[in-house]
Each structure stands twice: as C-alpha cells, then as structure tokens.
Amino acid sequence: LTGFIVHWCLFSTLSVQTYIYYDGATPDRLLTRCLVYGVYVIECIQTVFVTYDAFVIFAFGFGDVQSLTAAHFHWLTIPIMSAFVSCISQLFYAYRIFLLSERRRTAPSIIAFVSLISAGAAISTGILAHEIGDAAKLSTLGPSLSIGVGSFFHKKASFG
C-alpha cells in the first residue's frame, strides 16, 4: 500500500513540474519538448496501471492472499515502463553532457552504455516476472534477478 501512495505522490510532483515547464514557455527545441511531454504521457499510463493494480489487490481481492502475490500489471509497470523512462532520461543527460563537455565522448558513452544495459536487464526481468506470474516465486530465482546485469545475461542465455 505504501508503494502505491508513494507512486501517486511522485506522480503529482511530476505533474506540477510538467505544468511549470509548460507554463514557463521555455525556448527549447521541439525534440526536447516532445521528450518531456512523451515521458509525462508514459508516466500517466503507468499511473493508470498502478492504480488498477491497487484496486484489484485491495478492493476486488480483499481477503484473497493470492491476489497479493499475483503479478497483475507489476511486471509491466515496475521494471519495463520504469526502465524505458529512465533510459530515455539517462540518454538525454548523456547527450547534454556530450554537448557541455566540448564533444568529449568518454563519459557520455559510459553513461549511454550503462543505461542501455540496465534497460535491457530490467526489460528481461519484466518478461521473466510475467512468465512466472507470482511474486512469491520470484525469490527462488536467486541473484540473477536481484542483479540487473546478471538478469540480462541470464535471460539472454535462456533464449539461446
């Protein structure tokens, strides 16, 4: 329950920040503005899924223990959508660092590489969580799930 409340609080903060960005009429390029509004739309969709999950768990599934451990949309909202948004943000920051560092490529390349590997690992974890479908069984996977890069290689190896 606490996680759902924190999500809503952070979403309201993001909404205020997006409104301030919109109201400020900054002279940013069209791509930057589309990036800001696109990330906000993705977060809106994620909030709808999170709210649906909260309602299914605590209203429809009241008293049902299996409802608490079922995956619902957690496999999509937590690892996959969060990875997508964070990858977009980190790649944008890498681009800005590239511009501000007088076109040196070392730091932005490292940031972009780690961001893409992390996103791949999170997507892999989300797919694995969807296949398993039960949060109680996720802990039996061992460290490959808790270590993002390890889960990426674990899932890649199982695809052959």
N, C-alpha and C. Protein backbone atom coordinates (compact mmCIF):
# COMPACT_ATOMS: atom_id res chain seq x y z
N LEU A 1 0.83 -1.19 0.00
CA LEU A 1 0.00 0.00 0.00
C LEU A 1 0.87 1.26 0.00
N THR A 2 1.96 1.21 0.74
CA THR A 2 2.84 2.36 0.81
C THR A 2 3.44 2.69 -0.56
N GLY A 3 3.79 1.67 -1.31
CA GLY A 3 4.34 1.88 -2.64
C GLY A 3 3.38 2.59 -3.57
N PHE A 4 2.10 2.24 -3.49
CA PHE A 4 1.09 2.90 -4.32
C PHE A 4 0.95 4.37 -3.93
N ILE A 5 0.96 4.65 -2.64
CA ILE A 5 0.83 6.03 -2.17
C ILE A 5 2.04 6.86 -2.59
N VAL A 6 3.23 6.29 -2.46
CA VAL A 6 4.44 6.99 -2.87
C VAL A 6 4.40 7.25 -4.38
N HIS A 7 3.93 6.28 -5.15
CA HIS A 7 3.83 6.47 -6.60
C HIS A 7 2.93 7.66 -6.93
N TRP A 8 1.78 7.73 -6.27
CA TRP A 8 0.87 8.84 -6.53
C TRP A 8 1.48 10.17 -6.11
N CYS A 9 2.21 10.21 -5.00
CA CYS A 9 2.86 11.45 -4.58
C CYS A 9 3.91 11.89 -5.59
N LEU A 10 4.70 10.96 -6.06
CA LEU A 10 5.72 11.30 -7.06
C LEU A 10 5.10 11.70 -8.38
N PHE A 11 3.98 11.07 -8.75
CA PHE A 11 3.30 11.45 -9.98
C PHE A 11 2.73 12.87 -9.88
N SER A 12 2.22 13.23 -8.71
CA SER A 12 1.71 14.59 -8.55
C SER A 12 2.85 15.60 -8.64
N THR A 13 4.00 15.25 -8.10
CA THR A 13 5.17 16.13 -8.22
C THR A 13 5.58 16.28 -9.69
N LEU A 14 5.59 15.17 -10.42
CA LEU A 14 5.91 15.22 -11.84
C LEU A 14 4.89 16.06 -12.61
N SER A 15 3.63 15.96 -12.24
CA SER A 15 2.59 16.76 -12.90
C SER A 15 2.83 18.25 -12.70
N VAL A 16 3.17 18.64 -11.48
CA VAL A 16 3.46 20.04 -11.21
C VAL A 16 4.68 20.50 -11.99
N GLN A 17 5.73 19.68 -12.01
CA GLN A 17 6.94 20.04 -12.76
C GLN A 17 6.65 20.17 -14.25
N THR A 18 5.83 19.29 -14.79
CA THR A 18 5.50 19.35 -16.21
C THR A 18 4.68 20.61 -16.50
N TYR A 19 3.77 20.95 -15.61
CA TYR A 19 2.99 22.17 -15.80
C TYR A 19 3.88 23.41 -15.74
N ILE A 20 4.80 23.44 -14.80
CA ILE A 20 5.72 24.57 -14.70
C ILE A 20 6.57 24.68 -15.96
N TYR A 21 7.00 23.54 -16.49
CA TYR A 21 7.75 23.54 -17.75
C TYR A 21 6.90 24.08 -18.89
N TYR A 22 5.65 23.65 -18.95
CA TYR A 22 4.73 24.12 -19.99
C TYR A 22 4.42 25.60 -19.83
N ASP A 23 4.17 26.03 -18.60
CA ASP A 23 3.80 27.42 -18.34
C ASP A 23 4.99 28.36 -18.52
N GLY A 24 6.18 27.88 -18.34
CA GLY A 24 7.36 28.72 -18.47
C GLY A 24 7.69 29.10 -19.90
N ALA A 25 7.10 28.41 -20.86
CA ALA A 25 7.32 28.70 -22.28
C ALA A 25 8.80 28.80 -22.61
N THR A 26 9.56 27.79 -22.21
CA THR A 26 10.99 27.79 -22.47
C THR A 26 11.25 27.64 -23.97
N PRO A 27 12.31 28.25 -24.44
CA PRO A 27 12.59 28.17 -25.89
C PRO A 27 13.35 26.89 -26.28
N ASP A 28 12.96 25.78 -25.72
CA ASP A 28 13.62 24.52 -26.05
C ASP A 28 13.25 24.07 -27.45
N ARG A 29 14.08 23.21 -27.99
CA ARG A 29 13.80 22.65 -29.31
C ARG A 29 12.57 21.76 -29.25
N LEU A 30 11.98 21.51 -30.38
CA LEU A 30 10.77 20.70 -30.46
C LEU A 30 11.03 19.28 -29.95
N LEU A 31 12.19 18.72 -30.25
CA LEU A 31 12.51 17.37 -29.79
C LEU A 31 12.55 17.29 -28.27
N THR A 32 13.12 18.30 -27.64
CA THR A 32 13.19 18.31 -26.17
C THR A 32 11.80 18.42 -25.57
N ARG A 33 10.97 19.30 -26.12
CA ARG A 33 9.60 19.43 -25.60
C ARG A 33 8.81 18.14 -25.80
N CYS A 34 8.97 17.50 -26.96
CA CYS A 34 8.28 16.22 -27.20
C CYS A 34 8.77 15.15 -26.23
N LEU A 35 10.06 15.18 -25.91
CA LEU A 35 10.62 14.23 -24.95
C LEU A 35 10.00 14.43 -23.56
N VAL A 36 9.89 15.67 -23.12
CA VAL A 36 9.30 15.96 -21.81
C VAL A 36 7.85 15.51 -21.77
N TYR A 37 7.08 15.88 -22.77
CA TYR A 37 5.66 15.54 -22.77
C TYR A 37 5.44 14.05 -23.02
N GLY A 38 6.31 13.44 -23.80
CA GLY A 38 6.21 11.99 -24.04
C GLY A 38 6.45 11.19 -22.77
N VAL A 39 7.47 11.59 -22.01
CA VAL A 39 7.75 10.91 -20.74
C VAL A 39 6.58 11.09 -19.78
N TYR A 40 5.97 12.27 -19.79
CA TYR A 40 4.82 12.51 -18.92
C TYR A 40 3.64 11.62 -19.32
N VAL A 41 3.42 11.45 -20.60
CA VAL A 41 2.33 10.57 -21.06
C VAL A 41 2.60 9.12 -20.64
N ILE A 42 3.85 8.67 -20.77
CA ILE A 42 4.20 7.31 -20.34
C ILE A 42 3.96 7.16 -18.84
N GLU A 43 4.33 8.17 -18.06
CA GLU A 43 4.10 8.12 -16.62
C GLU A 43 2.61 8.13 -16.29
N CYS A 44 1.81 8.84 -17.08
CA CYS A 44 0.34 8.81 -16.88
C CYS A 44 -0.20 7.41 -17.09
N ILE A 45 0.26 6.77 -18.15
CA ILE A 45 -0.18 5.40 -18.44
C ILE A 45 0.26 4.46 -17.32
N GLN A 46 1.49 4.64 -16.86
CA GLN A 46 1.98 3.81 -15.76
C GLN A 46 1.14 4.02 -14.50
N THR A 47 0.73 5.24 -14.23
CA THR A 47 -0.08 5.53 -13.06
C THR A 47 -1.45 4.88 -13.16
N VAL A 48 -2.01 4.85 -14.36
CA VAL A 48 -3.30 4.17 -14.55
C VAL A 48 -3.16 2.68 -14.24
N PHE A 49 -2.10 2.06 -14.74
CA PHE A 49 -1.88 0.63 -14.47
C PHE A 49 -1.63 0.37 -12.98
N VAL A 50 -0.85 1.23 -12.34
CA VAL A 50 -0.56 1.06 -10.92
C VAL A 50 -1.85 1.21 -10.10
N THR A 51 -2.68 2.18 -10.47
CA THR A 51 -3.95 2.38 -9.76
C THR A 51 -4.88 1.19 -9.96
N TYR A 52 -4.91 0.66 -11.17
CA TYR A 52 -5.72 -0.53 -11.42
C TYR A 52 -5.24 -1.70 -10.57
N ASP A 53 -3.92 -1.89 -10.51
CA ASP A 53 -3.37 -2.97 -9.67
C ASP A 53 -3.75 -2.78 -8.20
N ALA A 54 -3.66 -1.56 -7.72
CA ALA A 54 -4.02 -1.30 -6.32
C ALA A 54 -5.49 -1.62 -6.08
N PHE A 55 -6.34 -1.26 -7.01
CA PHE A 55 -7.76 -1.54 -6.84
C PHE A 55 -8.04 -3.03 -6.90
N VAL A 56 -7.38 -3.74 -7.80
CA VAL A 56 -7.57 -5.19 -7.90
C VAL A 56 -7.09 -5.89 -6.64
N ILE A 57 -5.95 -5.45 -6.11
CA ILE A 57 -5.40 -6.11 -4.93
C ILE A 57 -6.22 -5.82 -3.68
N PHE A 58 -6.55 -4.53 -3.46
CA PHE A 58 -7.16 -4.15 -2.19
C PHE A 58 -8.68 -4.05 -2.22
N ALA A 59 -9.30 -4.02 -3.38
CA ALA A 59 -10.77 -3.95 -3.43
C ALA A 59 -11.36 -5.27 -3.92
N PHE A 60 -11.05 -5.63 -5.17
CA PHE A 60 -11.58 -6.89 -5.70
C PHE A 60 -11.01 -8.10 -4.98
N GLY A 61 -9.72 -8.01 -4.62
CA GLY A 61 -9.07 -9.15 -3.98
C GLY A 61 -9.02 -9.07 -2.48
N PHE A 62 -9.92 -8.33 -1.87
CA PHE A 62 -9.91 -8.19 -0.41
C PHE A 62 -10.07 -9.55 0.26
N GLY A 63 -9.12 -9.90 1.09
CA GLY A 63 -9.16 -11.17 1.79
C GLY A 63 -8.55 -12.32 1.02
N ASP A 64 -8.16 -12.10 -0.22
CA ASP A 64 -7.57 -13.15 -1.05
C ASP A 64 -6.05 -13.01 -1.02
N VAL A 65 -5.39 -13.98 -0.40
CA VAL A 65 -3.94 -13.93 -0.26
C VAL A 65 -3.25 -14.05 -1.62
N GLN A 66 -3.80 -14.83 -2.52
CA GLN A 66 -3.19 -14.98 -3.85
C GLN A 66 -3.23 -13.68 -4.63
N SER A 67 -4.18 -12.83 -4.36
CA SER A 67 -4.25 -11.54 -5.04
C SER A 67 -3.05 -10.67 -4.67
N LEU A 68 -2.53 -10.85 -3.46
CA LEU A 68 -1.38 -10.06 -3.03
C LEU A 68 -0.10 -10.46 -3.75
N THR A 69 0.03 -11.72 -4.11
CA THR A 69 1.27 -12.17 -4.75
C THR A 69 1.16 -12.30 -6.26
N ALA A 70 -0.03 -12.16 -6.83
CA ALA A 70 -0.19 -12.26 -8.28
C ALA A 70 0.49 -11.08 -8.96
N ALA A 71 0.95 -11.29 -10.17
CA ALA A 71 1.73 -10.28 -10.89
C ALA A 71 0.89 -9.10 -11.36
N HIS A 72 -0.35 -9.31 -11.73
CA HIS A 72 -1.22 -8.27 -12.29
C HIS A 72 -0.45 -7.53 -13.39
N PHE A 73 -0.30 -6.20 -13.25
CA PHE A 73 0.49 -5.42 -14.22
C PHE A 73 1.85 -5.01 -13.64
N HIS A 74 2.23 -5.57 -12.49
CA HIS A 74 3.51 -5.19 -11.89
C HIS A 74 4.68 -5.53 -12.80
N TRP A 75 4.58 -6.61 -13.55
CA TRP A 75 5.67 -7.00 -14.45
C TRP A 75 5.90 -5.94 -15.53
N LEU A 76 4.86 -5.19 -15.88
CA LEU A 76 4.97 -4.15 -16.91
C LEU A 76 5.32 -2.79 -16.30
N THR A 77 4.64 -2.42 -15.25
CA THR A 77 4.80 -1.06 -14.72
C THR A 77 6.12 -0.85 -13.99
N ILE A 78 6.54 -1.82 -13.22
CA ILE A 78 7.73 -1.59 -12.41
C ILE A 78 9.01 -1.76 -13.23
N PRO A 79 9.31 -2.91 -13.79
CA PRO A 79 10.59 -2.98 -14.49
C PRO A 79 10.58 -2.39 -15.90
N ILE A 80 9.57 -2.69 -16.71
CA ILE A 80 9.64 -2.34 -18.13
C ILE A 80 9.39 -0.85 -18.36
N MET A 81 8.29 -0.33 -17.86
CA MET A 81 7.99 1.09 -18.10
C MET A 81 8.99 2.00 -17.38
N SER A 82 9.38 1.62 -16.19
CA SER A 82 10.39 2.42 -15.47
C SER A 82 11.72 2.39 -16.20
N ALA A 83 12.08 1.25 -16.75
CA ALA A 83 13.34 1.15 -17.49
C ALA A 83 13.30 2.01 -18.75
N PHE A 84 12.16 2.02 -19.41
CA PHE A 84 12.02 2.81 -20.62
C PHE A 84 12.17 4.30 -20.32
N VAL A 85 11.50 4.76 -19.29
CA VAL A 85 11.58 6.18 -18.92
C VAL A 85 12.98 6.54 -18.45
N SER A 86 13.56 5.71 -17.62
CA SER A 86 14.90 6.03 -17.11
C SER A 86 15.94 5.98 -18.23
N CYS A 87 15.79 5.07 -19.17
CA CYS A 87 16.73 5.01 -20.29
C CYS A 87 16.63 6.27 -21.15
N ILE A 88 15.42 6.72 -21.42
CA ILE A 88 15.24 7.96 -22.18
C ILE A 88 15.90 9.12 -21.44
N SER A 89 15.65 9.23 -20.15
CA SER A 89 16.21 10.33 -19.36
C SER A 89 17.73 10.27 -19.32
N GLN A 90 18.29 9.10 -19.09
CA GLN A 90 19.73 8.98 -18.98
C GLN A 90 20.41 9.21 -20.32
N LEU A 91 19.80 8.78 -21.42
CA LEU A 91 20.38 9.06 -22.73
C LEU A 91 20.32 10.55 -23.04
N PHE A 92 19.27 11.21 -22.62
CA PHE A 92 19.20 12.67 -22.81
C PHE A 92 20.28 13.37 -22.00
N TYR A 93 20.48 12.94 -20.75
CA TYR A 93 21.54 13.53 -19.94
C TYR A 93 22.92 13.24 -20.54
N ALA A 94 23.12 12.08 -21.08
CA ALA A 94 24.39 11.76 -21.74
C ALA A 94 24.62 12.69 -22.93
N TYR A 95 23.57 12.95 -23.67
CA TYR A 95 23.66 13.87 -24.80
C TYR A 95 24.01 15.28 -24.32
N ARG A 96 23.37 15.72 -23.23
CA ARG A 96 23.67 17.06 -22.70
C ARG A 96 25.10 17.14 -22.18
N ILE A 97 25.57 16.08 -21.53
CA ILE A 97 26.95 16.05 -21.06
C ILE A 97 27.91 16.09 -22.24
N PHE A 98 27.55 15.39 -23.30
CA PHE A 98 28.36 15.40 -24.52
C PHE A 98 28.48 16.83 -25.07
N LEU A 99 27.38 17.57 -25.08
CA LEU A 99 27.42 18.94 -25.58
C LEU A 99 28.20 19.86 -24.64
N LEU A 100 28.02 19.68 -23.34
CA LEU A 100 28.68 20.55 -22.37
C LEU A 100 30.16 20.24 -22.17
N SER A 101 30.58 19.04 -22.50
CA SER A 101 31.98 18.65 -22.29
C SER A 101 32.82 18.87 -23.54
N GLU A 102 32.37 19.77 -24.38
CA GLU A 102 33.10 20.12 -25.60
C GLU A 102 33.32 18.90 -26.49
N ARG A 103 32.29 18.11 -26.61
CA ARG A 103 32.24 16.96 -27.52
C ARG A 103 33.21 15.83 -27.17
N ARG A 104 33.55 15.73 -25.89
CA ARG A 104 34.31 14.56 -25.45
C ARG A 104 33.34 13.40 -25.32
N ARG A 105 33.76 12.23 -25.70
CA ARG A 105 32.83 11.11 -25.80
C ARG A 105 32.94 10.08 -24.69
N THR A 106 33.93 10.15 -23.86
CA THR A 106 34.15 9.09 -22.88
C THR A 106 33.01 8.98 -21.87
N ALA A 107 32.75 10.03 -21.13
CA ALA A 107 31.71 9.98 -20.08
C ALA A 107 30.32 9.73 -20.67
N PRO A 108 29.91 10.45 -21.74
CA PRO A 108 28.59 10.16 -22.30
C PRO A 108 28.45 8.74 -22.85
N SER A 109 29.53 8.19 -23.38
CA SER A 109 29.48 6.82 -23.88
C SER A 109 29.29 5.81 -22.76
N ILE A 110 29.98 6.04 -21.66
CA ILE A 110 29.83 5.15 -20.50
C ILE A 110 28.41 5.24 -19.95
N ILE A 111 27.89 6.46 -19.83
CA ILE A 111 26.52 6.64 -19.33
C ILE A 111 25.52 5.96 -20.25
N ALA A 112 25.67 6.14 -21.56
CA ALA A 112 24.75 5.53 -22.51
C ALA A 112 24.84 4.01 -22.47
N PHE A 113 26.05 3.47 -22.37
CA PHE A 113 26.23 2.03 -22.32
C PHE A 113 25.57 1.43 -21.08
N VAL A 114 25.84 2.02 -19.93
CA VAL A 114 25.25 1.52 -18.68
C VAL A 114 23.73 1.66 -18.71
N SER A 115 23.24 2.75 -19.28
CA SER A 115 21.80 2.96 -19.37
C SER A 115 21.13 1.90 -20.23
N LEU A 116 21.73 1.60 -21.38
CA LEU A 116 21.14 0.59 -22.27
C LEU A 116 21.21 -0.81 -21.67
N ILE A 117 22.31 -1.13 -21.02
CA ILE A 117 22.42 -2.44 -20.36
C ILE A 117 21.40 -2.55 -19.23
N SER A 118 21.26 -1.49 -18.46
CA SER A 118 20.30 -1.50 -17.36
C SER A 118 18.87 -1.64 -17.88
N ALA A 119 18.54 -0.94 -18.95
CA ALA A 119 17.20 -1.06 -19.54
C ALA A 119 16.96 -2.47 -20.07
N GLY A 120 17.96 -3.04 -20.71
CA GLY A 120 17.82 -4.41 -21.20
C GLY A 120 17.62 -5.40 -20.07
N ALA A 121 18.35 -5.20 -18.99
CA ALA A 121 18.20 -6.08 -17.83
C ALA A 121 16.83 -5.94 -17.19
N ALA A 122 16.34 -4.72 -17.10
CA ALA A 122 15.03 -4.51 -16.50
C ALA A 122 13.91 -5.09 -17.37
N ILE A 123 14.03 -4.91 -18.67
CA ILE A 123 13.03 -5.50 -19.57
C ILE A 123 13.06 -7.01 -19.48
N SER A 124 14.26 -7.57 -19.41
CA SER A 124 14.40 -9.01 -19.25
C SER A 124 13.77 -9.48 -17.94
N THR A 125 13.97 -8.73 -16.88
CA THR A 125 13.37 -9.07 -15.59
C THR A 125 11.86 -9.00 -15.65
N GLY A 126 11.33 -7.99 -16.35
CA GLY A 126 9.89 -7.87 -16.50
C GLY A 126 9.29 -9.03 -17.26
N ILE A 127 9.96 -9.45 -18.32
CA ILE A 127 9.48 -10.61 -19.09
C ILE A 127 9.52 -11.86 -18.24
N LEU A 128 10.59 -12.02 -17.48
CA LEU A 128 10.71 -13.18 -16.60
C LEU A 128 9.62 -13.17 -15.53
N ALA A 129 9.34 -11.99 -14.97
CA ALA A 129 8.29 -11.88 -13.95
C ALA A 129 6.91 -12.19 -14.55
N HIS A 130 6.70 -11.79 -15.79
CA HIS A 130 5.42 -12.08 -16.45
C HIS A 130 5.26 -13.59 -16.68
N GLU A 131 6.36 -14.24 -17.07
CA GLU A 131 6.30 -15.69 -17.30
C GLU A 131 6.03 -16.44 -16.01
N ILE A 132 6.61 -15.98 -14.91
CA ILE A 132 6.41 -16.66 -13.63
C ILE A 132 5.04 -16.33 -13.06
N GLY A 133 4.65 -15.06 -13.07
CA GLY A 133 3.31 -14.66 -12.68
C GLY A 133 3.00 -14.62 -11.20
N ASP A 134 3.96 -14.94 -10.35
CA ASP A 134 3.71 -14.95 -8.91
C ASP A 134 4.92 -14.34 -8.20
N ALA A 135 4.69 -13.31 -7.42
CA ALA A 135 5.78 -12.61 -6.75
C ALA A 135 6.50 -13.50 -5.74
N ALA A 136 5.80 -14.44 -5.15
CA ALA A 136 6.43 -15.32 -4.17
C ALA A 136 7.46 -16.23 -4.82
N LYS A 137 7.27 -16.57 -6.08
CA LYS A 137 8.20 -17.46 -6.78
C LYS A 137 9.42 -16.72 -7.33
N LEU A 138 9.36 -15.39 -7.39
CA LEU A 138 10.49 -14.63 -7.93
C LEU A 138 11.73 -14.76 -7.05
N SER A 139 11.54 -14.92 -5.76
CA SER A 139 12.69 -15.01 -4.85
C SER A 139 13.47 -16.31 -5.03
N THR A 140 12.89 -17.30 -5.69
CA THR A 140 13.60 -18.57 -5.90
C THR A 140 14.58 -18.49 -7.06
N LEU A 141 14.60 -17.39 -7.79
CA LEU A 141 15.48 -17.28 -8.94
C LEU A 141 16.92 -16.99 -8.57
N GLY A 142 17.14 -16.55 -7.36
CA GLY A 142 18.50 -16.29 -6.92
C GLY A 142 18.99 -14.92 -7.33
N PRO A 143 20.30 -14.74 -7.33
CA PRO A 143 20.87 -13.42 -7.54
C PRO A 143 20.72 -12.89 -8.97
N SER A 144 20.38 -13.74 -9.92
CA SER A 144 20.26 -13.24 -11.29
C SER A 144 19.11 -12.26 -11.44
N LEU A 145 18.13 -12.34 -10.56
CA LEU A 145 17.03 -11.39 -10.62
C LEU A 145 17.36 -10.11 -9.87
N SER A 146 18.09 -10.22 -8.79
CA SER A 146 18.38 -9.04 -7.99
C SER A 146 19.50 -8.20 -8.58
N ILE A 147 20.32 -8.77 -9.40
CA ILE A 147 21.39 -8.03 -10.06
C ILE A 147 20.94 -7.80 -11.50
N GLY A 148 20.72 -6.55 -11.85
CA GLY A 148 20.14 -6.22 -13.15
C GLY A 148 20.92 -6.77 -14.32
N VAL A 149 22.21 -6.55 -14.35
CA VAL A 149 23.01 -7.03 -15.47
C VAL A 149 23.03 -8.55 -15.50
N GLY A 150 23.06 -9.16 -14.33
CA GLY A 150 23.03 -10.63 -14.26
C GLY A 150 21.74 -11.18 -14.83
N SER A 151 20.62 -10.51 -14.56
CA SER A 151 19.35 -11.00 -15.09
C SER A 151 19.31 -10.82 -16.60
N PHE A 152 19.98 -9.79 -17.10
CA PHE A 152 20.03 -9.60 -18.55
C PHE A 152 20.76 -10.77 -19.21
N PHE A 153 21.91 -11.14 -18.65
CA PHE A 153 22.66 -12.24 -19.24
C PHE A 153 21.97 -13.58 -19.00
N HIS A 154 21.30 -13.72 -17.84
CA HIS A 154 20.57 -14.94 -17.55
C HIS A 154 19.47 -15.15 -18.58
N LYS A 155 18.72 -14.09 -18.87
CA LYS A 155 17.61 -14.21 -19.81
C LYS A 155 18.13 -14.39 -21.23
N LYS A 156 19.22 -13.72 -21.56
CA LYS A 156 19.79 -13.85 -22.90
C LYS A 156 20.27 -15.29 -23.13
N ALA A 157 20.86 -15.86 -22.10
CA ALA A 157 21.35 -17.23 -22.23
C ALA A 157 20.20 -18.22 -22.36
N SER A 158 19.07 -17.93 -21.72
CA SER A 158 17.96 -18.88 -21.80
C SER A 158 17.21 -18.80 -23.13
N PHE A 159 17.38 -17.68 -23.87
CA PHE A 159 16.79 -17.59 -25.19
C PHE A 159 17.60 -18.36 -26.21
N GLY A 160 18.88 -18.58 -25.89
CA GLY A 160 19.75 -19.37 -26.76
C GLY A 160 20.30 -18.56 -27.81
